[in-house]
Amino acid sequence: MPAHHSKPLSYTIYRLGLWYTLYRLVIVTGLLIIFQLVYEKLSVDFSQPHLYFYTLIGYCTVCSLQFIVFKFFPKFIHQQLIGLFVVDLIALSLLTFSLGTSNLNLSLLYLIAVFSASILLNRKTSLMITLIAVIAVVYQQFVGSLFDYNDLNNIGNSALLAFLFFVMYGIGRIAVQRFRLLENITFRQSVALTQLQNINRYILEQMEDGYLVLDQDYHVVLSNPAARMLLGIPTLFAQEQLPLAKVQPDLFELLRFDPLDDGEQFTFESQLSAYHMHIKVQHLTIAQQALILLRLQDVQQLNQQVQKLKLAALGQLSASIAHEIRNPLAAIVQANELYLGSHAEQQLLLQNMIRKQSQRINDIIEDTLRMARNDSTHPIRIELNSFLPHLITEDLADIQHLIQLQLSENISIQFDPKQLNQVLINLIRNAVRHNSASAEPVLIKVQLTHPKVWIDVIDYGNGVEKRDISQLFKPFFSTEIKGTGLGLYLSHSLCEANHAKLSYVEQEKGACFRIECSIKDK
């Protein structure tokens, strides 16, 4: 047996042994009471009534002492168990001998003793107890026949009983093997579960966000140090499942009088805490128990994180702008240096170069400002069957002959009209620019796929290289020399602001940019 399994197994053997000592005491006490009550009527059936009576007295006394010792002095358990079964065999042999004939009840007690020994003792010792029981049963019949107390024919019954002893021994050993196997599995699972709980507890304690779990009666089921710090809950209550009303009455009053839905968020301040908190509610059902999970965050810390993200984004944007402006600025400087020493025709070319590069710098700045303005979004219901034709004829009049609109039914969506106008103009002009001259017009296709609407802008040019697809919506990425790389990034950001999604859909030929947005019911 592995060393790390000995402790739980020894405790189990002790508990089973304690129950067995109690069983022996109850049985022998019952036999003694029955003998006292029916002795006058049944005395003729006892070959040795005095031996039977004094054996019961001694057996009851020894069982009582063994029960007390086993319960209150749980040392040398294996040796004590051997003593129990040796006493049982001696006592049962004397009782059977005093009856002078085979007795079914005492035979059953023999079987129980053998079976218990096979479970509580190791294999060799339990086999020794079984052999002693067999010898005692067989030879007591032989001794009885010498004193003319029994007939030799009863030896056949004793042999059958001895055979049953071996059967019970075998069943007991099989039961022990199964029991030990199950116990080992249970022990390993309990160790793994304990390790997992310790890992979860460690992770929970290291989290900066606070987590508080409440039951239906608003008792604290679990709380991590961050939650206790934010709520001002004393550390001495950390391991206690106390009512929330006792440890944080302000939060309790808020939750009790204004039950919160799943996913709801709110800010919270308490007189017991110095923190201003942002709390998110999540309802859980674990083991058929309804729980409330509160995620608590320090508002000041959240603001600091947002500020850090803004500064990081600003730094990245500034670096990108500097990188993008450097090339046209270098071209302008070089053209300016060459301008003075060149003839009129070259000067005209240099002026044209300076103008184009200046325009490129201006485009970068305009797109950056448009992106940085981050105008507030005001989504309204837009009917596409009127919005799209108006967009093509008014804002894309110069290229409307290169555009084909496919809209089968009247569909309404929720979107900011100015921002949708900006996104579509950008996508359509890009598509016209990349469309093949000999191909069909650029297709604007609107599809209704419940519960979403797809607005596809499709061209039939060369499409986007697979290596470039992952970079499409990143700022300053462009496959064109003249492009700023901010158009698709800005369009993607505007779609997200309107709870829509802009994505690229691969096609066999050409490119397809899809706006996926929600249907606006009438």
Protein backbone atom coordinates (compact mmCIF):
# COMPACT_ATOMS: atom_id res chain seq x y z
CA MET A 1 0.00 0.00 0.00
CA PRO A 2 1.38 3.45 -0.91
CA ALA A 3 2.51 5.52 2.01
CA HIS A 4 0.33 8.50 1.17
CA HIS A 5 -2.78 6.27 1.30
CA SER A 6 -2.10 4.74 4.72
CA LYS A 7 -3.55 7.55 6.78
CA PRO A 8 -7.05 7.69 5.29
CA LEU A 9 -7.17 3.87 5.06
CA SER A 10 -6.15 3.44 8.73
CA TYR A 11 -8.87 5.87 9.79
CA THR A 12 -11.45 3.96 7.74
CA ILE A 13 -10.35 0.65 9.28
CA TYR A 14 -10.62 2.23 12.72
CA ARG A 15 -14.17 3.47 12.06
CA LEU A 16 -15.26 0.06 10.72
CA GLY A 17 -13.56 -1.69 13.62
CA LEU A 18 -15.37 0.57 16.09
CA TRP A 19 -18.70 -0.34 14.55
CA TYR A 20 -17.76 -4.03 14.73
CA THR A 21 -16.89 -3.82 18.45
CA LEU A 22 -20.26 -2.17 19.06
CA TYR A 23 -22.00 -4.90 17.04
CA ARG A 24 -20.30 -7.64 19.15
CA LEU A 25 -21.36 -5.96 22.36
CA VAL A 26 -24.98 -5.66 21.22
CA ILE A 27 -25.12 -9.30 20.02
CA VAL A 28 -23.65 -10.84 23.17
CA THR A 29 -25.82 -8.65 25.39
CA GLY A 30 -28.88 -9.76 23.43
CA LEU A 31 -27.88 -13.44 23.74
CA LEU A 32 -27.40 -13.05 27.49
CA ILE A 33 -30.81 -11.40 27.95
CA ILE A 34 -32.54 -14.03 25.80
CA PHE A 35 -30.88 -16.84 27.79
CA GLN A 36 -32.07 -15.35 31.08
CA LEU A 37 -35.63 -14.97 29.81
CA VAL A 38 -36.11 -18.43 28.20
CA TYR A 39 -33.69 -20.63 30.17
CA GLU A 40 -36.38 -22.27 32.34
CA LYS A 41 -38.38 -23.34 29.28
CA LEU A 42 -35.49 -24.33 27.03
CA SER A 43 -32.96 -25.73 29.53
CA VAL A 44 -33.44 -29.24 28.17
CA ASP A 45 -31.97 -28.10 24.83
CA PHE A 46 -28.64 -27.05 26.33
CA SER A 47 -26.01 -29.78 26.78
CA GLN A 48 -23.93 -27.51 29.01
CA PRO A 49 -26.19 -24.64 30.18
CA HIS A 50 -23.75 -23.47 32.83
CA LEU A 51 -20.89 -23.38 30.31
CA TYR A 52 -23.18 -21.44 27.91
CA PHE A 53 -24.13 -18.95 30.62
CA TYR A 54 -20.63 -18.34 31.95
CA THR A 55 -19.25 -18.09 28.40
CA LEU A 56 -21.81 -15.34 27.66
CA ILE A 57 -20.88 -13.55 30.89
CA GLY A 58 -17.16 -13.67 30.07
CA TYR A 59 -17.77 -12.81 26.42
CA CYS A 60 -19.90 -9.78 27.34
CA THR A 61 -17.29 -8.57 29.84
CA VAL A 62 -14.40 -8.91 27.39
CA CYS A 63 -16.45 -7.24 24.58
CA SER A 64 -17.17 -4.27 26.85
CA LEU A 65 -13.52 -3.87 27.77
CA GLN A 66 -12.40 -4.21 24.15
CA PHE A 67 -14.99 -1.63 23.03
CA ILE A 68 -13.75 0.89 25.63
CA VAL A 69 -10.09 0.30 24.79
CA PHE A 70 -10.68 0.44 21.05
CA LYS A 71 -12.71 3.65 21.25
CA PHE A 72 -10.66 5.65 23.71
CA PHE A 73 -7.17 4.23 23.07
CA PRO A 74 -6.92 3.93 19.28
CA LYS A 75 -3.37 2.61 19.21
CA PHE A 76 -2.09 -0.65 17.78
CA ILE A 77 -5.38 -1.00 15.90
CA HIS A 78 -4.24 -4.07 13.95
CA GLN A 79 -3.27 -5.93 17.11
CA GLN A 80 -6.54 -4.96 18.81
CA LEU A 81 -8.54 -6.24 15.84
CA ILE A 82 -6.71 -9.58 15.95
CA GLY A 83 -7.64 -9.80 19.64
CA LEU A 84 -11.29 -9.11 18.79
CA PHE A 85 -11.53 -11.97 16.31
CA VAL A 86 -9.58 -14.43 18.48
CA VAL A 87 -11.99 -13.75 21.35
CA ASP A 88 -14.93 -14.15 18.95
CA LEU A 89 -13.75 -17.55 17.73
CA ILE A 90 -13.07 -18.83 21.24
CA ALA A 91 -16.41 -17.59 22.56
CA LEU A 92 -18.43 -18.86 19.60
CA SER A 93 -16.68 -22.27 19.80
CA LEU A 94 -17.52 -22.59 23.50
CA LEU A 95 -21.13 -21.52 22.89
CA THR A 96 -21.54 -24.04 20.08
CA PHE A 97 -19.92 -26.79 22.18
CA SER A 98 -22.23 -25.96 25.14
CA LEU A 99 -25.30 -26.35 22.93
CA GLY A 100 -24.17 -29.82 21.91
CA THR A 101 -25.63 -29.46 18.41
CA SER A 102 -25.30 -27.27 15.32
CA ASN A 103 -27.10 -23.95 15.66
CA LEU A 104 -27.97 -21.78 12.64
CA ASN A 105 -27.78 -18.50 14.56
CA LEU A 106 -24.30 -19.18 15.93
CA SER A 107 -23.20 -20.38 12.48
CA LEU A 108 -24.25 -17.01 11.06
CA LEU A 109 -22.22 -15.26 13.77
CA TYR A 110 -19.22 -17.33 12.71
CA LEU A 111 -19.74 -16.25 9.09
CA ILE A 112 -20.03 -12.60 10.08
CA ALA A 113 -16.83 -12.82 12.13
CA VAL A 114 -14.92 -14.42 9.24
CA PHE A 115 -16.25 -11.89 6.73
CA SER A 116 -15.39 -8.97 9.04
CA ALA A 117 -11.88 -10.33 9.58
CA SER A 118 -11.31 -10.57 5.82
CA ILE A 119 -12.24 -6.86 5.51
CA LEU A 120 -10.53 -5.40 8.58
CA LEU A 121 -7.32 -7.46 8.61
CA ASN A 122 -4.65 -7.94 5.98
CA ARG A 123 -4.72 -10.97 3.69
CA LYS A 124 -2.45 -13.29 5.67
CA THR A 125 -3.93 -12.52 9.07
CA SER A 126 -7.52 -12.82 7.86
CA LEU A 127 -6.70 -16.16 6.24
CA MET A 128 -5.22 -17.33 9.55
CA ILE A 129 -8.45 -16.32 11.35
CA THR A 130 -10.49 -18.22 8.74
CA LEU A 131 -8.38 -21.37 9.20
CA ILE A 132 -8.73 -21.16 12.99
CA ALA A 133 -12.51 -20.85 12.57
CA VAL A 134 -12.56 -23.92 10.30
CA ILE A 135 -10.47 -25.93 12.76
CA ALA A 136 -12.64 -24.84 15.69
CA VAL A 137 -15.89 -25.82 13.95
CA VAL A 138 -14.66 -29.19 12.71
CA TYR A 139 -12.80 -30.33 15.81
CA GLN A 140 -15.41 -29.25 18.31
CA GLN A 141 -17.73 -31.77 16.67
CA PHE A 142 -15.06 -34.42 16.96
CA VAL A 143 -14.43 -33.61 20.63
CA GLY A 144 -18.15 -33.61 21.29
CA SER A 145 -18.48 -37.08 19.84
CA LEU A 146 -15.77 -38.36 22.20
CA PHE A 147 -17.83 -37.16 25.16
CA ASP A 148 -20.98 -38.56 23.52
CA TYR A 149 -22.50 -35.06 23.15
CA ASN A 150 -23.03 -35.33 19.44
CA ASP A 151 -23.05 -37.76 16.61
CA LEU A 152 -20.26 -38.03 14.05
CA ASN A 153 -22.83 -37.30 11.33
CA ASN A 154 -22.76 -33.61 12.37
CA ILE A 155 -19.18 -33.42 11.11
CA GLY A 156 -20.63 -33.21 7.57
CA ASN A 157 -22.58 -30.10 8.52
CA SER A 158 -19.45 -28.64 10.08
CA ALA A 159 -17.52 -29.32 6.86
CA LEU A 160 -20.18 -27.44 4.88
CA LEU A 161 -19.92 -24.55 7.33
CA ALA A 162 -16.12 -24.57 6.97
CA PHE A 163 -16.54 -24.37 3.20
CA LEU A 164 -18.79 -21.33 3.67
CA PHE A 165 -16.04 -19.76 5.78
CA PHE A 166 -13.67 -19.89 2.80
CA VAL A 167 -16.39 -18.50 0.53
CA MET A 168 -16.97 -15.57 2.90
CA TYR A 169 -13.21 -15.04 3.14
CA GLY A 170 -12.97 -14.84 -0.66
CA ILE A 171 -15.93 -12.44 -0.91
CA GLY A 172 -14.45 -10.29 1.82
CA ARG A 173 -11.06 -10.07 0.11
CA ILE A 174 -12.71 -9.11 -3.21
CA ALA A 175 -14.74 -6.46 -1.38
CA VAL A 176 -11.55 -5.13 0.25
CA GLN A 177 -9.78 -4.87 -3.11
CA ARG A 178 -12.72 -3.01 -4.64
CA PHE A 179 -12.99 -0.80 -1.59
CA ARG A 180 -9.29 0.07 -1.65
CA LEU A 181 -9.45 0.78 -5.38
CA LEU A 182 -12.41 3.13 -4.90
CA GLU A 183 -10.75 4.72 -1.90
CA ASN A 184 -7.53 5.33 -3.85
CA ILE A 185 -9.48 6.89 -6.70
CA THR A 186 -11.45 9.04 -4.28
CA PHE A 187 -8.29 10.07 -2.47
CA ARG A 188 -6.53 11.07 -5.70
CA GLN A 189 -9.59 13.01 -6.83
CA SER A 190 -9.80 14.77 -3.49
CA VAL A 191 -6.11 15.69 -3.69
CA ALA A 192 -6.56 17.01 -7.24
CA LEU A 193 -9.67 18.94 -6.16
CA THR A 194 -7.82 20.41 -3.19
CA GLN A 195 -4.93 21.47 -5.44
CA LEU A 196 -7.38 23.05 -7.90
CA GLN A 197 -9.14 24.89 -5.10
CA ASN A 198 -5.82 26.19 -3.79
CA ILE A 199 -4.82 27.36 -7.27
CA ASN A 200 -8.18 29.07 -7.77
CA ARG A 201 -7.93 30.70 -4.35
CA TYR A 202 -4.40 31.92 -5.10
CA ILE A 203 -5.44 33.34 -8.48
CA LEU A 204 -8.48 35.00 -6.92
CA GLU A 205 -6.39 36.55 -4.18
CA GLN A 206 -3.90 37.95 -6.70
CA MET A 207 -6.55 39.67 -8.82
CA GLU A 208 -6.70 43.45 -8.70
CA ASP A 209 -10.46 43.42 -9.32
CA GLY A 210 -12.73 42.57 -6.43
CA TYR A 211 -15.05 39.55 -6.63
CA LEU A 212 -17.95 39.08 -4.24
CA VAL A 213 -20.37 36.12 -4.42
CA LEU A 214 -23.73 36.30 -2.63
CA ASP A 215 -26.50 33.73 -2.21
CA GLN A 216 -30.22 34.39 -2.53
CA ASP A 217 -30.40 35.62 1.07
CA TYR A 218 -27.52 38.06 0.46
CA HIS A 219 -25.04 36.12 2.56
CA VAL A 220 -21.39 36.41 1.54
CA VAL A 221 -20.36 33.08 0.00
CA LEU A 222 -16.94 34.15 -1.29
CA SER A 223 -14.87 37.32 -1.33
CA ASN A 224 -11.30 38.02 -2.37
CA PRO A 225 -8.96 40.52 -0.65
CA ALA A 226 -9.56 43.18 -3.33
CA ALA A 227 -13.33 43.06 -2.76
CA ARG A 228 -12.93 43.29 1.00
CA MET A 229 -10.57 46.23 0.63
CA LEU A 230 -12.89 48.12 -1.75
CA LEU A 231 -15.98 47.49 0.38
CA GLY A 232 -14.26 48.09 3.70
CA ILE A 233 -14.99 44.59 5.02
CA PRO A 234 -12.71 43.71 7.98
CA THR A 235 -10.21 40.92 7.30
CA LEU A 236 -11.41 38.95 10.34
CA PHE A 237 -14.64 38.24 8.43
CA ALA A 238 -12.77 36.87 5.42
CA GLN A 239 -13.53 33.19 6.07
CA GLU A 240 -17.01 33.65 7.48
CA GLN A 241 -20.22 33.47 5.46
CA LEU A 242 -21.84 36.42 7.17
CA PRO A 243 -24.92 38.36 6.06
CA LEU A 244 -24.07 41.23 3.73
CA ALA A 245 -26.28 43.41 5.92
CA LYS A 246 -23.74 43.02 8.73
CA VAL A 247 -20.47 43.57 6.84
CA GLN A 248 -21.65 46.11 4.21
CA PRO A 249 -25.15 47.46 5.02
CA ASP A 250 -25.02 50.19 2.34
CA LEU A 251 -24.58 47.69 -0.48
CA PHE A 252 -27.17 45.39 1.08
CA GLU A 253 -29.78 48.14 1.12
CA LEU A 254 -29.07 48.96 -2.52
CA LEU A 255 -29.38 45.34 -3.67
CA ARG A 256 -32.41 44.53 -1.54
CA PHE A 257 -34.57 47.47 -2.62
CA ASP A 258 -33.37 47.60 -6.23
CA PRO A 259 -32.69 44.04 -7.52
CA LEU A 260 -30.30 44.16 -10.45
CA ASP A 261 -30.55 42.28 -13.75
CA ASP A 262 -27.81 40.11 -15.20
CA GLY A 263 -25.11 42.23 -16.85
CA GLU A 264 -26.27 45.48 -15.22
CA GLN A 265 -23.56 47.93 -14.13
CA PHE A 266 -23.59 50.80 -11.66
CA THR A 267 -21.32 52.96 -9.54
CA PHE A 268 -21.32 52.69 -5.77
CA GLU A 269 -20.00 54.64 -2.81
CA SER A 270 -20.24 53.74 0.85
CA GLN A 271 -19.53 55.43 4.16
CA LEU A 272 -17.59 52.32 5.16
CA SER A 273 -15.19 52.63 2.23
CA ALA A 274 -12.92 55.32 0.85
CA TYR A 275 -13.28 54.02 -2.71
CA HIS A 276 -15.61 54.97 -5.54
CA MET A 277 -16.50 51.65 -7.19
CA HIS A 278 -17.79 50.42 -10.52
CA ILE A 279 -19.81 47.21 -10.02
CA LYS A 280 -20.96 44.70 -12.64
CA VAL A 281 -23.63 42.13 -11.76
CA GLN A 282 -23.75 38.57 -13.04
CA HIS A 283 -26.25 35.92 -11.98
CA LEU A 284 -24.93 32.36 -11.61
CA THR A 285 -26.56 28.96 -11.09
CA ILE A 286 -24.19 26.44 -9.53
CA ALA A 287 -25.38 23.07 -8.22
CA GLN A 288 -29.00 24.28 -8.48
CA GLN A 289 -28.16 27.23 -6.26
CA ALA A 290 -28.78 30.77 -7.48
CA LEU A 291 -25.81 33.06 -6.77
CA ILE A 292 -24.98 36.69 -7.50
CA LEU A 293 -21.46 37.56 -8.65
CA LEU A 294 -20.38 41.17 -8.20
CA ARG A 295 -17.23 42.38 -9.94
CA LEU A 296 -15.88 45.49 -8.25
CA GLN A 297 -13.39 47.91 -9.76
CA ASP A 298 -11.93 51.14 -8.41
CA VAL A 299 -13.22 53.97 -10.62
CA GLN A 300 -10.07 56.00 -10.10
CA GLN A 301 -7.93 53.07 -11.17
CA LEU A 302 -10.16 52.51 -14.20
CA ASN A 303 -9.72 56.15 -15.21
CA GLN A 304 -5.98 55.80 -14.86
CA GLN A 305 -6.00 52.72 -17.08
CA VAL A 306 -8.10 54.53 -19.69
CA GLN A 307 -5.68 57.47 -19.56
CA LYS A 308 -2.74 55.12 -20.03
CA LEU A 309 -4.44 53.53 -23.04
CA LYS A 310 -5.13 56.96 -24.51
CA LEU A 311 -1.52 58.02 -24.04
CA ALA A 312 -0.30 54.75 -25.56
CA ALA A 313 -2.63 55.20 -28.54
CA LEU A 314 -1.58 58.83 -28.91
CA GLY A 315 2.08 57.81 -28.85
CA GLN A 316 1.48 55.14 -31.48
CA LEU A 317 -0.53 57.56 -33.61
CA SER A 318 2.12 60.28 -33.31
CA ALA A 319 4.84 57.87 -34.33
CA SER A 320 2.77 56.69 -37.30
CA ILE A 321 2.03 60.26 -38.41
CA ALA A 322 5.70 61.22 -38.15
CA HIS A 323 6.64 58.18 -40.20
CA GLU A 324 4.02 58.88 -42.87
CA ILE A 325 4.87 62.59 -43.18
CA ARG A 326 8.63 62.01 -43.35
CA ASN A 327 8.58 60.61 -46.92
CA PRO A 328 6.57 63.40 -48.65
CA LEU A 329 8.43 66.01 -46.58
CA ALA A 330 11.76 64.61 -47.75
CA ALA A 331 10.51 64.75 -51.34
CA ILE A 332 9.48 68.40 -50.89
CA VAL A 333 12.90 69.30 -49.42
CA GLN A 334 14.71 67.58 -52.27
CA ALA A 335 12.50 69.22 -54.91
CA ASN A 336 13.07 72.62 -53.30
CA GLU A 337 16.85 72.13 -53.44
CA LEU A 338 16.73 71.16 -57.09
CA TYR A 339 14.33 73.96 -58.04
CA LEU A 340 16.80 76.87 -58.16
CA GLY A 341 19.30 75.22 -60.50
CA SER A 342 16.79 73.75 -62.96
CA HIS A 343 15.30 75.07 -66.20
CA ALA A 344 11.67 76.01 -66.67
CA GLU A 345 10.39 72.57 -67.70
CA GLN A 346 12.08 70.87 -64.72
CA GLN A 347 10.80 73.59 -62.41
CA LEU A 348 7.27 72.82 -63.60
CA LEU A 349 7.78 69.14 -62.78
CA LEU A 350 9.28 70.00 -59.38
CA GLN A 351 6.37 72.35 -58.62
CA ASN A 352 3.94 69.58 -59.51
CA MET A 353 5.86 67.18 -57.21
CA ILE A 354 5.82 69.69 -54.34
CA ARG A 355 2.08 70.22 -54.84
CA LYS A 356 1.32 66.48 -54.79
CA GLN A 357 3.47 65.82 -51.75
CA SER A 358 1.94 68.80 -49.92
CA GLN A 359 -1.51 67.50 -50.79
CA ARG A 360 -0.50 64.09 -49.41
CA ILE A 361 0.60 65.66 -46.12
CA ASN A 362 -2.68 67.60 -46.00
CA ASP A 363 -4.68 64.37 -46.60
CA ILE A 364 -2.85 62.65 -43.76
CA ILE A 365 -3.56 65.54 -41.41
CA GLU A 366 -7.24 65.78 -42.48
CA ASP A 367 -7.83 62.05 -42.00
CA THR A 368 -6.04 62.14 -38.66
CA LEU A 369 -8.11 65.08 -37.46
CA ARG A 370 -11.30 63.41 -38.65
CA MET A 371 -10.35 60.33 -36.71
CA ALA A 372 -9.25 62.28 -33.63
CA ARG A 373 -12.43 64.39 -33.52
CA ASN A 374 -14.36 61.26 -32.56
CA ASP A 375 -17.72 62.96 -33.18
CA SER A 376 -20.53 61.65 -31.04
CA THR A 377 -22.75 59.04 -32.69
CA HIS A 378 -26.48 59.70 -33.16
CA PRO A 379 -27.97 56.57 -34.70
CA ILE A 380 -31.47 56.81 -36.17
CA ARG A 381 -33.64 54.65 -38.35
CA ILE A 382 -32.41 54.72 -41.96
CA GLU A 383 -34.48 53.34 -44.87
CA LEU A 384 -31.91 52.00 -47.30
CA ASN A 385 -34.19 52.06 -50.37
CA SER A 386 -34.17 55.88 -50.23
CA PHE A 387 -30.82 56.48 -48.55
CA LEU A 388 -28.62 54.57 -51.01
CA PRO A 389 -29.98 56.03 -54.29
CA HIS A 390 -29.72 59.53 -52.81
CA LEU A 391 -26.12 58.83 -51.77
CA ILE A 392 -25.19 57.69 -55.29
CA THR A 393 -26.83 60.61 -57.12
CA GLU A 394 -25.78 63.36 -54.71
CA ASP A 395 -22.40 62.38 -53.24
CA LEU A 396 -21.09 60.10 -55.98
CA ALA A 397 -22.47 61.90 -59.04
CA ASP A 398 -19.13 61.85 -60.83
CA ILE A 399 -18.91 58.05 -60.73
CA GLN A 400 -22.56 57.02 -60.51
CA HIS A 401 -22.39 55.44 -63.99
CA LEU A 402 -19.78 53.04 -62.56
CA ILE A 403 -22.05 51.87 -59.71
CA GLN A 404 -24.84 49.28 -59.71
CA LEU A 405 -27.30 49.05 -56.80
CA GLN A 406 -29.04 45.77 -55.93
CA LEU A 407 -31.75 46.22 -53.29
CA SER A 408 -34.69 43.80 -53.49
CA GLU A 409 -36.85 45.11 -50.62
CA ASN A 410 -37.25 48.01 -48.27
CA ILE A 411 -34.90 47.46 -45.32
CA SER A 412 -34.35 49.76 -42.34
CA ILE A 413 -31.28 49.85 -40.13
CA GLN A 414 -30.08 51.78 -37.08
CA PHE A 415 -27.08 53.96 -37.95
CA ASP A 416 -25.80 57.51 -37.78
CA PRO A 417 -26.61 58.83 -41.31
CA LYS A 418 -23.55 61.11 -41.57
CA GLN A 419 -21.21 58.35 -40.49
CA LEU A 420 -22.85 55.75 -42.76
CA ASN A 421 -22.54 58.26 -45.60
CA GLN A 422 -18.81 58.66 -44.85
CA VAL A 423 -18.21 54.91 -44.64
CA LEU A 424 -20.01 54.08 -47.89
CA ILE A 425 -18.36 56.90 -49.84
CA ASN A 426 -14.95 55.67 -48.73
CA LEU A 427 -15.72 52.03 -49.60
CA ILE A 428 -17.36 52.79 -52.94
CA ARG A 429 -14.62 55.15 -54.18
CA ASN A 430 -12.00 52.56 -53.17
CA ALA A 431 -13.93 49.89 -55.09
CA VAL A 432 -14.24 52.07 -58.21
CA ARG A 433 -10.54 52.85 -58.03
CA HIS A 434 -9.58 49.18 -57.84
CA ASN A 435 -12.21 47.86 -60.25
CA SER A 436 -11.07 46.53 -63.61
CA ALA A 437 -11.81 48.88 -66.52
CA SER A 438 -13.28 46.06 -68.60
CA ALA A 439 -15.31 44.55 -65.76
CA GLU A 440 -18.87 45.13 -64.59
CA PRO A 441 -19.74 48.22 -62.52
CA VAL A 442 -19.08 48.18 -58.78
CA LEU A 443 -21.97 46.38 -57.08
CA ILE A 444 -23.70 47.62 -53.93
CA LYS A 445 -25.68 44.60 -52.75
CA VAL A 446 -28.04 44.65 -49.76
CA GLN A 447 -29.07 41.31 -48.25
CA LEU A 448 -31.46 40.59 -45.41
CA THR A 449 -30.18 37.72 -43.22
CA HIS A 450 -32.19 37.69 -40.00
CA PRO A 451 -31.42 39.22 -37.60
CA LYS A 452 -28.72 41.10 -39.57
CA VAL A 453 -28.43 43.19 -42.73
CA TRP A 454 -25.44 42.88 -45.05
CA ILE A 455 -24.37 45.82 -47.18
CA ASP A 456 -21.72 44.52 -49.59
CA VAL A 457 -19.51 46.77 -51.75
CA ILE A 458 -18.07 44.50 -54.47
CA ASP A 459 -15.52 45.22 -57.18
CA TYR A 460 -14.05 42.92 -59.84
CA GLY A 461 -10.40 43.93 -59.71
CA ASN A 462 -7.42 41.98 -58.40
CA GLY A 463 -8.69 41.79 -54.82
CA VAL A 464 -6.53 41.87 -51.70
CA GLU A 465 -3.48 39.65 -51.27
CA LYS A 466 -3.88 37.05 -48.53
CA ARG A 467 -0.84 38.39 -46.71
CA ASP A 468 -2.47 41.85 -46.53
CA ILE A 469 -5.94 40.84 -45.28
CA SER A 470 -4.96 40.86 -41.59
CA GLN A 471 -3.53 44.40 -41.97
CA LEU A 472 -6.49 45.98 -43.81
CA PHE A 473 -8.08 47.84 -40.90
CA LYS A 474 -4.89 48.97 -39.20
CA PRO A 475 -4.02 52.68 -39.35
CA PHE A 476 -1.58 53.85 -42.08
CA PHE A 477 -1.65 50.52 -43.89
CA SER A 478 -2.16 51.01 -47.62
CA THR A 479 -1.33 49.08 -50.78
CA GLU A 480 -1.25 52.30 -52.76
CA ILE A 481 1.56 54.80 -52.87
CA LYS A 482 -0.91 57.69 -52.79
CA GLY A 483 -3.06 56.26 -49.99
CA THR A 484 -2.84 57.45 -46.38
CA GLY A 485 -3.98 54.12 -44.93
CA LEU A 486 -6.53 55.80 -42.65
CA GLY A 487 -9.71 55.38 -44.73
CA LEU A 488 -10.50 51.76 -43.89
CA TYR A 489 -9.37 52.22 -40.29
CA LEU A 490 -11.72 55.18 -39.88
CA SER A 491 -14.60 53.32 -41.57
CA HIS A 492 -14.04 50.32 -39.30
CA SER A 493 -14.08 52.57 -36.21
CA LEU A 494 -17.30 54.31 -37.31
CA CYS A 495 -19.04 50.96 -37.84
CA GLU A 496 -18.05 49.80 -34.36
CA ALA A 497 -19.37 53.06 -32.89
CA ASN A 498 -22.76 52.20 -34.45
CA HIS A 499 -22.69 48.58 -33.19
CA ALA A 500 -22.01 47.35 -36.72
CA LYS A 501 -19.13 45.35 -38.17
CA LEU A 502 -16.98 46.04 -41.21
CA SER A 503 -15.16 43.02 -42.62
CA TYR A 504 -13.45 41.80 -45.77
CA VAL A 505 -15.02 38.82 -47.56
CA GLU A 506 -12.74 36.84 -49.87
CA GLN A 507 -14.02 36.16 -53.38
CA GLU A 508 -12.81 34.25 -56.40
CA LYS A 509 -12.33 37.54 -58.24
CA GLY A 510 -12.23 41.06 -56.89
CA ALA A 511 -12.89 42.29 -53.37
CA CYS A 512 -15.93 42.55 -51.13
CA PHE A 513 -16.23 44.78 -48.07
CA ARG A 514 -19.26 43.94 -45.92
CA ILE A 515 -21.07 46.14 -43.40
CA GLU A 516 -23.05 43.94 -41.02
CA CYS A 517 -25.64 45.81 -38.94
CA SER A 518 -28.89 45.14 -37.09
CA ILE A 519 -32.38 45.41 -38.55
CA LYS A 520 -34.52 48.28 -37.34
CA ASP A 521 -38.10 47.05 -36.89
CA LYS A 522 -40.90 49.19 -38.16
